[in-house]
Protein backbone atom coordinates (compact mmCIF):
# COMPACT_ATOMS: atom_id res chain seq x y z
CA MET A 1 0.10 -0.27 -0.05
CA ILE A 2 2.84 2.40 0.80
CA LYS A 3 4.32 1.57 -2.62
CA LYS A 4 1.02 2.51 -4.24
CA VAL A 5 0.68 5.77 -2.27
CA THR A 6 4.25 7.01 -2.90
CA LEU A 7 3.87 6.21 -6.66
CA SER A 8 0.55 8.09 -7.07
CA ILE A 9 1.81 11.26 -4.91
CA ALA A 10 4.82 11.40 -7.12
CA LEU A 11 3.23 11.38 -10.39
CA THR A 12 0.10 13.47 -9.49
CA GLY A 13 2.37 16.71 -9.66
CA LEU A 14 1.65 17.40 -5.82
CA CYS A 15 5.76 17.29 -5.52
CA TYR A 16 8.33 19.26 -7.39
CA VAL A 17 9.13 17.32 -10.42
CA VAL A 18 11.26 18.54 -13.20
CA ASN A 19 11.66 17.06 -16.53
CA ALA A 20 8.55 14.95 -16.19
CA GLN A 21 5.05 14.82 -17.35
CA THR A 22 2.83 14.01 -14.55
CA ILE A 23 -0.66 12.78 -14.13
CA ASN A 24 -1.74 16.03 -13.02
CA ASP A 25 -1.51 16.95 -16.56
CA ALA A 26 -3.95 14.63 -17.76
CA LEU A 27 -6.20 16.05 -15.17
CA ARG A 28 -5.79 19.51 -16.09
CA TYR A 29 -6.58 18.89 -19.71
CA SER A 30 -9.58 16.80 -18.92
CA SER A 31 -11.10 19.34 -16.50
CA THR A 32 -13.54 22.13 -17.52
CA MET A 33 -15.41 25.10 -15.63
CA PRO A 34 -18.50 26.73 -16.39
CA SER A 35 -18.45 28.37 -20.00
CA GLY A 36 -20.17 29.65 -22.92
CA SER A 37 -22.47 32.91 -23.39
CA SER A 38 -22.87 35.38 -20.23
CA ARG A 39 -26.60 34.18 -20.33
CA ILE A 40 -25.59 30.45 -19.83
CA GLN A 41 -22.44 31.43 -17.28
CA SER A 42 -25.01 33.11 -15.16
CA THR A 43 -27.33 30.22 -14.83
CA GLY A 44 -24.53 27.90 -13.63
CA GLY A 45 -23.41 26.89 -17.03
CA ALA A 46 -26.24 24.52 -17.29
CA ALA A 47 -27.05 24.50 -21.32
CA GLY A 48 -27.83 20.64 -21.88
CA SER A 49 -31.61 21.03 -22.78
CA LEU A 50 -32.26 24.68 -22.97
CA GLY A 51 -31.84 25.40 -26.64
CA GLY A 52 -32.10 28.93 -28.09
CA ASP A 53 -28.37 30.24 -27.03
CA TYR A 54 -25.42 29.69 -28.85
CA SER A 55 -23.80 28.08 -25.65
CA SER A 56 -26.15 25.00 -26.45
CA MET A 57 -23.91 23.80 -28.98
CA PHE A 58 -20.80 23.27 -26.70
CA VAL A 59 -22.74 21.09 -24.33
CA ASN A 60 -25.66 19.57 -26.48
CA PRO A 61 -25.30 20.19 -30.22
CA ALA A 62 -28.99 19.34 -30.29
CA GLY A 63 -29.71 23.10 -29.02
CA VAL A 64 -28.84 24.44 -32.50
CA ALA A 65 -31.87 23.07 -33.98
CA PHE A 66 -34.13 25.56 -32.06
CA PHE A 67 -32.70 28.31 -34.14
CA LYS A 68 -35.02 29.22 -37.22
CA THR A 69 -33.19 32.14 -37.88
CA SER A 70 -29.66 33.15 -37.73
CA GLU A 71 -27.44 34.56 -35.13
CA ALA A 72 -24.08 36.01 -34.00
CA GLY A 73 -22.67 36.37 -30.71
CA PHE A 74 -19.49 37.43 -28.95
CA SER A 75 -18.08 37.33 -25.36
CA LEU A 76 -15.31 38.89 -23.64
CA GLY A 77 -14.41 38.01 -19.90
CA PHE A 78 -11.90 39.26 -17.09
CA GLN A 79 -10.58 36.77 -14.63
CA ASN A 80 -9.12 37.44 -11.07
CA ALA A 81 -7.49 34.33 -9.41
CA SER A 82 -6.62 34.74 -5.73
CA ASN A 83 -4.57 32.17 -3.71
CA LYS A 84 -3.83 31.86 0.17
CA GLY A 85 -1.22 29.26 0.91
CA THR A 86 -0.40 27.93 4.29
CA TYR A 87 3.01 26.19 4.60
CA LEU A 88 4.78 25.10 7.87
CA GLY A 89 2.26 27.31 9.84
CA THR A 90 2.81 30.36 7.71
CA THR A 91 0.28 31.83 5.34
CA ALA A 92 0.86 34.04 2.23
CA SER A 93 -1.45 35.18 -0.48
CA ASP A 94 -1.35 36.25 -4.06
CA SER A 95 -3.40 37.11 -6.89
CA LYS A 96 -3.34 37.42 -10.78
CA GLY A 97 -5.78 39.01 -13.48
CA ASN A 98 -6.28 38.78 -17.25
CA LEU A 99 -8.52 39.72 -20.00
CA TYR A 100 -9.73 37.04 -22.56
CA ILE A 101 -12.08 36.30 -25.26
CA ASN A 102 -14.49 34.12 -23.83
CA SER A 103 -16.74 32.61 -26.82
CA ALA A 104 -17.83 33.46 -30.03
CA ALA A 105 -20.27 31.84 -32.37
CA PHE A 106 -22.39 32.04 -35.81
CA ILE A 107 -25.55 29.85 -36.02
CA PHE A 108 -27.16 29.63 -39.24
CA GLY A 109 -31.04 28.79 -38.71
CA GLY A 110 -33.10 27.18 -41.39
CA ALA A 111 -36.63 27.70 -42.25
CA LYS A 112 -39.11 24.91 -43.12
CA LYS A 113 -38.91 24.44 -46.77
CA ASN A 114 -41.34 21.33 -47.39
CA PRO A 115 -44.67 22.00 -45.97
CA ASN A 116 -45.12 18.09 -46.02
CA SER A 117 -42.22 17.09 -43.96
CA LYS A 118 -42.03 16.60 -40.40
CA TRP A 119 -38.50 18.04 -40.18
CA GLU A 120 -39.16 21.59 -39.37
CA ASN A 121 -35.77 22.97 -39.87
CA PHE A 122 -31.95 22.07 -40.06
CA SER A 123 -29.24 24.39 -38.51
CA VAL A 124 -25.66 24.79 -38.62
CA GLY A 125 -23.41 26.23 -35.78
CA LEU A 126 -19.60 27.48 -35.95
CA GLY A 127 -18.22 28.25 -32.34
CA PHE A 128 -15.15 29.10 -30.24
CA ASN A 129 -15.40 28.63 -26.56
CA ARG A 130 -12.84 28.67 -23.63
CA THR A 131 -13.32 25.65 -21.60
CA ASN A 132 -10.62 26.40 -19.02
CA ASN A 133 -8.41 29.18 -17.73
CA TYR A 134 -5.09 28.68 -16.34
CA ASN A 135 -4.03 31.87 -15.23
CA GLU A 136 -3.19 32.38 -11.75
CA ARG A 137 -0.24 32.89 -9.34
CA VAL A 138 0.41 30.78 -5.99
CA TYR A 139 2.71 31.73 -3.35
CA TYR A 140 3.55 30.26 -0.06
CA ARG A 141 6.65 30.39 2.44
CA GLY A 142 7.49 29.01 5.81
CA VAL A 143 10.70 28.36 7.97
CA ASN A 144 12.04 24.71 7.66
CA ASN A 145 14.74 23.59 10.16
CA LYS A 146 14.17 19.90 9.15
CA SER A 147 15.34 19.41 5.49
CA SER A 148 16.39 21.50 2.48
CA PHE A 149 15.12 21.36 -1.23
CA SER A 150 19.01 20.57 -1.85
CA ASN A 151 18.65 17.34 0.02
CA THR A 152 16.61 15.92 -2.99
CA TYR A 153 19.88 16.36 -5.13
CA THR A 154 22.31 14.88 -2.23
CA LEU A 155 20.44 11.77 -1.58
CA GLU A 156 19.75 11.23 -5.33
CA LEU A 157 23.41 10.97 -5.70
CA LYS A 158 24.38 9.03 -2.67
CA GLY A 159 26.57 6.22 -3.62
CA LEU A 160 27.36 7.24 -6.87
CA ASP A 161 30.49 8.66 -8.68
CA PRO A 162 30.49 12.31 -9.47
CA ASN A 163 30.96 11.54 -13.30
CA VAL A 164 27.42 10.56 -13.45
CA LEU A 165 26.38 14.07 -13.47
CA GLY A 166 26.93 14.22 -17.38
CA ASP A 167 23.75 11.80 -17.49
CA ALA A 168 20.69 13.39 -19.05
CA GLN A 169 18.62 12.38 -16.04
CA TYR A 170 20.68 14.81 -13.84
CA ALA A 171 20.54 17.86 -16.24
CA HIS A 172 17.60 19.59 -14.56
CA GLY A 173 18.63 19.18 -10.93
CA SER A 174 21.67 17.57 -9.63
CA GLU A 175 23.97 18.93 -12.21
CA LEU A 176 23.10 22.43 -11.94
CA ALA A 177 23.23 22.14 -8.07
CA ASP A 178 26.93 20.85 -8.54
CA ALA A 179 27.82 23.45 -11.18
CA THR A 180 26.55 26.32 -8.96
CA GLY A 181 28.45 24.83 -5.74
CA LEU A 182 25.00 24.37 -4.02
CA ILE A 183 26.21 20.82 -3.55
CA GLY A 184 29.46 18.84 -3.49
CA PRO A 185 30.87 15.12 -3.36
CA VAL A 186 32.25 14.65 0.28
CA VAL A 187 36.01 13.44 0.00
CA ASP A 188 38.06 11.46 2.39
CA GLY A 189 41.53 12.19 3.31
CA ASN A 190 43.01 11.28 0.29
CA ASN A 191 40.60 13.52 -1.76
CA GLN A 192 38.74 10.68 -2.93
CA PRO A 193 34.72 10.58 -3.08
CA THR A 194 33.22 8.90 -0.14
CA GLY A 195 30.05 8.39 -2.00
CA GLU A 196 28.31 11.00 0.23
CA TRP A 197 27.02 14.46 -0.78
CA GLY A 198 27.04 17.47 1.14
CA THR A 199 25.07 20.72 0.66
CA ILE A 200 25.78 24.23 2.08
CA ALA A 201 21.98 24.91 2.66
CA THR A 202 21.82 23.82 6.21
CA GLY A 203 20.35 25.04 9.42
CA SER A 204 17.00 26.96 9.38
CA LEU A 205 15.96 28.14 6.03
CA THR A 206 13.12 30.34 4.89
CA GLN A 207 11.47 28.48 1.89
CA GLU A 208 9.60 30.51 -0.38
CA ASN A 209 7.57 28.96 -3.52
CA THR A 210 5.88 30.99 -6.19
CA ILE A 211 4.03 29.21 -9.15
CA THR A 212 2.55 31.40 -11.98
CA SER A 213 0.58 30.02 -14.61
CA SER A 214 -0.87 31.01 -17.69
CA GLY A 215 -2.81 29.84 -20.85
CA SER A 216 -6.02 28.19 -21.61
CA ALA A 217 -8.33 25.15 -23.24
CA ASN A 218 -10.36 26.27 -26.02
CA GLU A 219 -12.51 24.39 -28.32
CA LEU A 220 -13.51 25.07 -32.01
CA ASN A 221 -16.84 23.76 -32.73
CA LEU A 222 -18.85 22.70 -35.98
CA SER A 223 -22.45 21.79 -34.88
CA PHE A 224 -25.51 20.34 -36.94
CA GLY A 225 -28.93 20.13 -35.73
CA GLY A 226 -32.56 19.20 -36.87
CA ASN A 227 -35.81 19.88 -35.49
CA TYR A 228 -38.60 16.93 -35.98
CA THR A 229 -42.06 18.07 -35.33
CA ASP A 230 -40.93 20.56 -32.82
CA LYS A 231 -40.67 17.69 -30.21
CA PHE A 232 -37.40 16.06 -31.05
CA TYR A 233 -34.19 18.08 -31.62
CA ILE A 234 -31.28 15.92 -32.74
CA GLY A 235 -27.70 17.06 -33.07
CA GLY A 236 -23.82 16.37 -33.34
CA SER A 237 -20.76 18.26 -33.46
CA LEU A 238 -17.01 17.91 -34.49
CA ASN A 239 -14.70 19.36 -31.96
CA VAL A 240 -11.21 20.38 -31.96
CA PRO A 241 -9.84 21.50 -28.45
CA THR A 242 -6.66 23.45 -28.38
CA TYR A 243 -4.38 23.91 -25.36
CA HIS A 244 -1.64 26.37 -24.35
CA TYR A 245 -0.16 26.44 -20.89
CA GLU A 246 2.85 28.11 -19.25
CA ARG A 247 4.18 27.57 -15.67
CA SER A 248 6.90 29.15 -13.84
CA ARG A 249 7.83 27.45 -10.55
CA ALA A 250 10.38 29.69 -8.46
CA PHE A 251 11.46 27.84 -5.45
CA ARG A 252 13.80 29.98 -3.19
CA GLU A 253 15.91 29.09 0.21
CA THR A 254 17.22 31.81 2.37
CA ASN A 255 19.54 31.39 4.97
CA THR A 256 17.91 33.45 8.03
CA SER A 257 19.42 31.52 10.96
CA ASP A 258 23.09 31.86 11.17
CA PRO A 259 25.25 34.51 9.78
CA ALA A 260 28.26 32.13 9.82
CA ASN A 261 26.63 29.76 7.36
CA GLU A 262 28.08 29.49 3.81
CA LEU A 263 24.80 30.01 2.04
CA ASN A 264 22.96 33.26 1.46
CA TYR A 265 20.23 32.33 -0.72
CA TRP A 266 19.65 30.04 -3.68
CA ASP A 267 16.82 29.78 -6.38
CA VAL A 268 15.86 27.04 -8.92
CA VAL A 269 13.28 28.04 -11.26
CA GLU A 270 11.45 25.71 -13.68
CA ASP A 271 9.78 27.12 -16.64
CA LEU A 272 7.42 25.03 -18.57
CA LYS A 273 5.38 25.39 -21.84
CA THR A 274 3.04 23.02 -23.29
CA ASP A 275 0.96 23.14 -26.58
CA GLY A 276 -1.67 20.66 -27.59
CA VAL A 277 -4.42 19.76 -29.85
CA GLY A 278 -6.96 17.33 -29.77
CA PHE A 279 -10.43 15.88 -31.38
CA ASN A 280 -13.63 14.88 -30.13
CA THR A 281 -17.43 14.43 -31.05
CA LYS A 282 -20.64 15.13 -29.49
CA LEU A 283 -24.23 13.46 -29.94
CA GLY A 284 -27.22 14.88 -28.29
CA ILE A 285 -31.01 14.84 -28.47
CA ILE A 286 -33.41 17.20 -26.82
CA TYR A 287 -37.22 16.19 -26.33
CA ARG A 288 -40.24 18.16 -25.54
CA PRO A 289 -42.77 15.86 -24.14
CA LEU A 290 -44.93 19.07 -22.94
CA PRO A 291 -44.37 22.49 -24.48
CA PRO A 292 -42.74 23.98 -21.42
CA LEU A 293 -40.62 21.01 -20.60
CA ARG A 294 -37.42 19.97 -22.44
CA LEU A 295 -35.45 16.82 -21.59
CA GLY A 296 -31.63 16.45 -22.94
CA LEU A 297 -29.28 13.74 -23.24
CA THR A 298 -25.70 14.01 -24.63
CA PHE A 299 -22.52 11.99 -25.22
CA GLN A 300 -19.30 13.46 -25.72
CA SER A 301 -16.54 10.99 -27.06
CA PRO A 302 -13.12 11.14 -25.00
CA THR A 303 -10.80 13.75 -26.42
CA TRP A 304 -7.79 12.37 -28.15
CA ALA A 305 -5.11 14.80 -27.77
CA SER A 306 -1.43 15.28 -28.52
CA PHE A 307 0.96 17.66 -26.33
CA THR A 308 4.57 18.93 -26.63
CA ASP A 309 6.36 20.08 -23.65
CA SER A 310 9.38 22.54 -23.70
CA TYR A 311 11.11 23.13 -20.30
CA VAL A 312 14.08 24.81 -19.04
CA THR A 313 15.57 24.79 -15.45
CA SER A 314 17.89 27.44 -14.20
CA MET A 315 19.70 28.12 -10.74
CA LEU A 316 21.32 30.91 -8.83
CA VAL A 317 23.44 30.38 -5.84
CA SER A 318 24.51 33.06 -3.72
CA SER A 319 27.12 32.20 -1.16
CA LYS A 320 29.97 34.12 1.07
CA ASP A 321 33.02 32.47 -0.68
CA GLN A 322 31.79 32.17 -4.37
CA GLY A 323 29.50 35.10 -4.72
CA VAL A 324 26.72 34.62 -7.29
CA ILE A 325 26.82 31.48 -9.57
CA THR A 326 24.39 30.31 -12.10
CA ALA A 327 23.79 27.55 -14.09
CA ASN A 328 21.07 26.65 -16.82
CA SER A 329 19.90 23.30 -18.29
CA THR A 330 20.23 24.68 -21.82
CA GLU A 331 23.99 24.68 -21.43
CA THR A 332 24.00 20.94 -21.99
CA ASN A 333 21.50 21.13 -24.77
CA GLU A 334 23.37 23.25 -27.29
CA GLY A 335 21.27 26.17 -25.72
CA TYR A 336 18.07 24.69 -26.71
CA ALA A 337 15.05 23.85 -24.20
CA ASP A 338 14.47 20.40 -23.53
CA GLU A 339 11.32 19.00 -25.20
CA SER A 340 8.63 15.93 -24.39
CA ARG A 341 5.92 14.62 -26.57
CA TYR A 342 2.83 12.62 -25.22
CA ASN A 343 -0.98 11.83 -25.72
CA VAL A 344 -3.61 12.15 -23.28
CA THR A 345 -7.13 10.40 -23.64
CA THR A 346 -9.72 12.15 -21.46
CA PRO A 347 -12.77 10.51 -20.06
CA LEU A 348 -16.12 9.81 -22.04
CA LYS A 349 -18.88 12.24 -20.67
CA GLY A 350 -22.51 11.74 -20.49
CA ILE A 351 -24.97 14.51 -19.40
CA ALA A 352 -28.59 14.31 -18.52
CA SER A 353 -30.38 17.49 -18.55
CA ALA A 354 -34.28 19.13 -17.99
CA SER A 355 -35.46 22.58 -18.45
CA TYR A 356 -38.75 24.04 -17.76
CA ILE A 357 -39.97 27.01 -19.64
CA PHE A 358 -42.65 29.25 -18.13
CA ARG A 359 -44.67 31.94 -20.02
CA PRO A 360 -47.45 34.10 -19.00
CA ALA A 361 -50.87 33.44 -20.59
CA GLY A 362 -51.52 34.85 -23.84
CA GLY A 363 -47.96 36.22 -24.33
CA ASP A 364 -48.48 39.40 -22.23
CA ALA A 365 -45.00 40.84 -21.79
CA THR A 366 -45.88 42.70 -18.84
CA LYS A 367 -45.96 39.41 -16.80
CA PRO A 368 -42.81 37.60 -15.81
CA SER A 369 -41.53 34.62 -17.91
CA GLY A 370 -38.39 32.45 -17.36
CA PHE A 371 -36.95 29.05 -16.81
CA LEU A 372 -35.38 26.67 -14.55
CA THR A 373 -32.58 24.15 -15.87
CA VAL A 374 -30.12 21.58 -14.70
CA ASP A 375 -27.37 19.29 -16.10
CA TYR A 376 -26.00 16.48 -14.42
CA GLU A 377 -22.65 15.36 -16.01
CA TYR A 378 -20.72 12.03 -15.01
CA MET A 379 -17.19 11.23 -16.09
CA ASP A 380 -14.71 8.85 -14.91
CA TYR A 381 -11.10 10.39 -14.42
CA SER A 382 -9.71 6.97 -13.87
CA ALA A 383 -10.28 6.43 -17.39
CA MET A 384 -7.73 9.21 -18.40
CA LYS A 385 -4.54 7.63 -20.40
CA MET A 386 -1.31 9.01 -21.05
CA ARG A 387 0.87 7.65 -23.66
CA MET A 388 4.67 8.77 -23.87
CA LYS A 389 5.93 9.56 -27.59
CA ASN A 390 9.72 10.52 -27.10
CA GLY A 391 10.90 7.69 -29.17
CA VAL A 392 13.05 6.12 -26.37
CA ALA A 393 13.02 2.74 -25.10
CA THR A 394 11.18 3.95 -21.80
CA ASP A 395 8.28 5.08 -23.29
CA ILE A 396 6.21 2.23 -22.82
CA GLN A 397 7.18 1.55 -19.03
CA ASP A 398 6.84 5.57 -18.40
CA SER A 399 3.30 5.19 -20.08
CA ASN A 400 2.41 2.25 -17.69
CA ASP A 401 3.81 3.92 -14.59
CA ARG A 402 1.57 6.89 -15.32
CA ASN A 403 -1.41 4.91 -16.27
CA GLN A 404 -1.33 2.91 -13.12
CA ALA A 405 -1.08 6.00 -11.02
CA ILE A 406 -4.06 7.26 -12.76
CA ASP A 407 -6.11 4.35 -11.72
CA GLN A 408 -4.86 4.55 -8.12
CA THR A 409 -5.41 8.06 -7.76
CA TYR A 410 -8.47 9.35 -9.73
CA GLN A 411 -12.04 8.11 -9.57
CA ALA A 412 -15.31 8.70 -11.32
CA ALA A 413 -16.93 12.05 -10.55
CA SER A 414 -20.38 13.80 -10.90
CA ASN A 415 -20.96 17.24 -12.01
CA ILE A 416 -24.08 19.41 -11.54
CA ARG A 417 -25.01 22.46 -12.86
CA VAL A 418 -28.47 24.26 -12.13
CA GLY A 419 -29.68 27.73 -12.88
CA GLY A 420 -32.97 29.78 -13.82
CA GLU A 421 -33.76 33.20 -15.42
CA LEU A 422 -36.68 35.80 -14.64
CA LYS A 423 -37.80 37.92 -17.35
CA LEU A 424 -39.99 41.15 -17.47
CA ASN A 425 -40.27 42.53 -20.64
CA VAL A 426 -36.92 43.21 -22.21
CA PHE A 427 -34.89 42.69 -19.02
CA ALA A 428 -33.79 39.62 -17.42
CA ILE A 429 -32.22 38.36 -14.07
CA ARG A 430 -30.28 35.32 -13.65
CA ALA A 431 -28.71 32.93 -11.06
CA GLY A 432 -26.97 29.45 -10.72
CA PHE A 433 -24.71 27.14 -9.02
CA ALA A 434 -22.36 24.61 -10.23
CA TYR A 435 -20.64 21.65 -8.37
CA TYR A 436 -17.69 19.74 -9.95
CA GLY A 437 -17.15 16.75 -7.88
CA ASN A 438 -13.77 15.37 -6.28
CA PRO A 439 -11.71 13.47 -9.19
CA TYR A 440 -9.52 12.06 -6.15
CA LYS A 441 -9.74 8.68 -4.51
CA LEU A 442 -7.41 9.50 -1.64
CA SER A 443 -9.47 10.80 1.23
CA ASP A 444 -7.31 13.64 2.19
CA LEU A 445 -7.62 15.35 -1.30
CA ASP A 446 -10.59 17.17 -2.19
CA GLY A 447 -10.48 18.41 -5.63
CA SER A 448 -13.91 19.30 -6.03
CA ARG A 449 -14.82 22.93 -6.99
CA LYS A 450 -18.17 25.28 -6.38
CA TYR A 451 -19.23 28.02 -8.28
CA TYR A 452 -21.88 30.59 -7.53
CA THR A 453 -23.44 32.75 -10.54
CA GLY A 454 -25.40 35.37 -11.56
CA GLY A 455 -25.90 37.76 -14.08
CA LEU A 456 -28.32 40.55 -15.96
CA GLY A 457 -29.59 40.77 -19.78
CA TYR A 458 -31.38 42.89 -22.21
CA ARG A 459 -32.96 41.60 -25.21
CA ASN A 460 -35.08 43.73 -27.70
CA LYS A 461 -35.39 43.44 -31.62
CA GLY A 462 -33.03 40.83 -32.28
CA ILE A 463 -30.24 42.41 -30.31
CA TYR A 464 -29.01 41.17 -26.70
CA VAL A 465 -26.60 42.41 -24.29
CA ASP A 466 -25.89 40.13 -21.25
CA LEU A 467 -23.47 40.27 -18.11
CA ALA A 468 -22.56 37.42 -15.99
CA VAL A 469 -20.48 37.08 -12.81
CA VAL A 470 -19.09 33.69 -11.60
CA TYR A 471 -17.27 33.07 -8.41
CA GLY A 472 -15.72 29.80 -7.74
CA ASN A 473 -13.84 28.29 -4.95
CA TYR A 474 -11.79 25.13 -4.38
CA THR A 475 -8.59 23.70 -2.22
CA SER A 476 -5.67 21.99 -3.33
CA GLN A 477 -1.95 21.09 -2.16
CA ASP A 478 1.42 21.23 -3.30
CA GLN A 479 4.38 19.47 -2.25
CA PRO A 480 7.56 21.39 -2.88
CA TYR A 481 9.76 18.42 -2.78
CA THR A 482 9.66 14.85 -1.55
CA LEU A 483 12.67 13.13 0.38
CA PRO A 484 13.20 9.13 0.80
CA VAL A 485 11.97 8.13 4.25
CA ASN A 486 14.40 7.43 6.93
CA ASN A 487 17.46 9.14 5.36
CA GLU A 488 19.96 10.78 7.51
CA GLY A 489 16.99 12.23 9.97
CA LEU A 490 15.79 14.69 6.89
CA VAL A 491 12.27 15.06 6.84
CA THR A 492 9.74 15.66 3.87
CA PRO A 493 7.77 19.14 4.66
CA ALA A 494 4.11 18.76 4.93
CA PRO A 495 2.39 19.85 1.78
CA ALA A 496 1.27 23.48 1.33
CA ASP A 497 -2.62 23.91 1.61
CA ILE A 498 -3.92 26.13 -0.99
CA LYS A 499 -7.28 28.05 -0.73
CA SER A 500 -8.24 29.38 -4.26
CA SER A 501 -11.00 31.53 -5.30
CA VAL A 502 -11.79 32.75 -8.93
CA THR A 503 -13.98 35.42 -10.33
CA ASN A 504 -14.76 35.84 -13.79
CA VAL A 505 -16.78 38.83 -15.23
CA THR A 506 -18.01 38.28 -18.66
CA ALA A 507 -20.13 40.20 -21.24
CA THR A 508 -21.75 39.34 -24.38
CA VAL A 509 -23.17 40.87 -27.23
CA GLY A 510 -25.31 39.26 -30.06
CA PHE A 511 -27.67 39.89 -32.81
CA LYS A 512 -29.92 37.88 -35.31
CA PHE A 513 -29.59 38.48 -39.05
């Protein structure tokens, strides 16, 4: 059991792992958030059975069949992500904001051409949707007198000859630490290596970690829908998800306890850049058993995606004897960043939806109208798969290790989105809630997320303007480094607990044509 837990944690990305694709990458590219137009975001992102909004094409493509006229819409958003990190009893916080294109769509509605046909119309939609936003900054700090990050290097090299540092596996860690004088081999009286390695990072150290992320997951969507007798709406879509992710992890240790110690401070910075593209399909149906009631069902295939990572690690050491010394992983790779390629298969999704539309008798616009809507989404995160594509002998074993860890770490989860709209004449007010279930099997890891949503809308003469506010909160952990157990009394620090809150404000404008 200990071996299983260790393998899972080591590959989840909870620990500071350079030069490796972790199973946390698969989770990142399988996860989504409430998205679409401001109208749908303000109702919790529930769009599986509603129809009549361009966002329906991103959840249930059958929704485009509700359009008998053509429409265009465009949405901008602003996100502010705030994080509070608690590490070794100390709490610190940071935040980051960004402006982004939220979504855009054209829907070409069709009118009934054959009066004898039971098919009322066929419609086509073309759209762009941001499904996840990776922009955030996490900062935490604490004082550690039981170990140093540099011990990951000294223990890794224990018993090895210094000549091994030329091997590629050490290029992003131990080789840099040796080149900057952070660590060095312990020698005997004859100046011969003993197999032990020492570090100048000793005593009580102030440890700081800043993790800055940017990028997004987006989807290009081509949807088709048909309306049969105004009761059955059937649709399908071809989707091309694209991914761009950048992350900089900057870890620093500062000697704050003993002025006589050799170390002043040292930094290690890992810069990662990831680009990916994939493909999936959606099939959906919406049924109206009664005029005000709509029932939806959607199946989304797994996304088959290919990714390329490029990564660079740099190190800086400031010491009393040597001053400042720097080293960079590009120095051993002819000045280039290292690269790695891999595939990710995300889980199949199933969505069941229901909406109830209420309208005043006789269509009296002076009386309120509106709707209530709910989506239930199921996906099994343990079904994610990773496949390394680096053309080396270890690709198969590396893939098997990650897929084994995925099976041990993740589980199936349920996501629920619910919302409603109240409309009076040309103005509307909306509210909603979304819950994304915990993907982790481990009882001490809670990856669930909650979103509280609301917004306003104006619709008149084929033109609409909508505003939405989406507030989300969730918790996570970050393990700065992990040491082997029972090694020279050195102790792995407890992970930092991260409390995150994200506020998205979006505005959508659209018109019929």
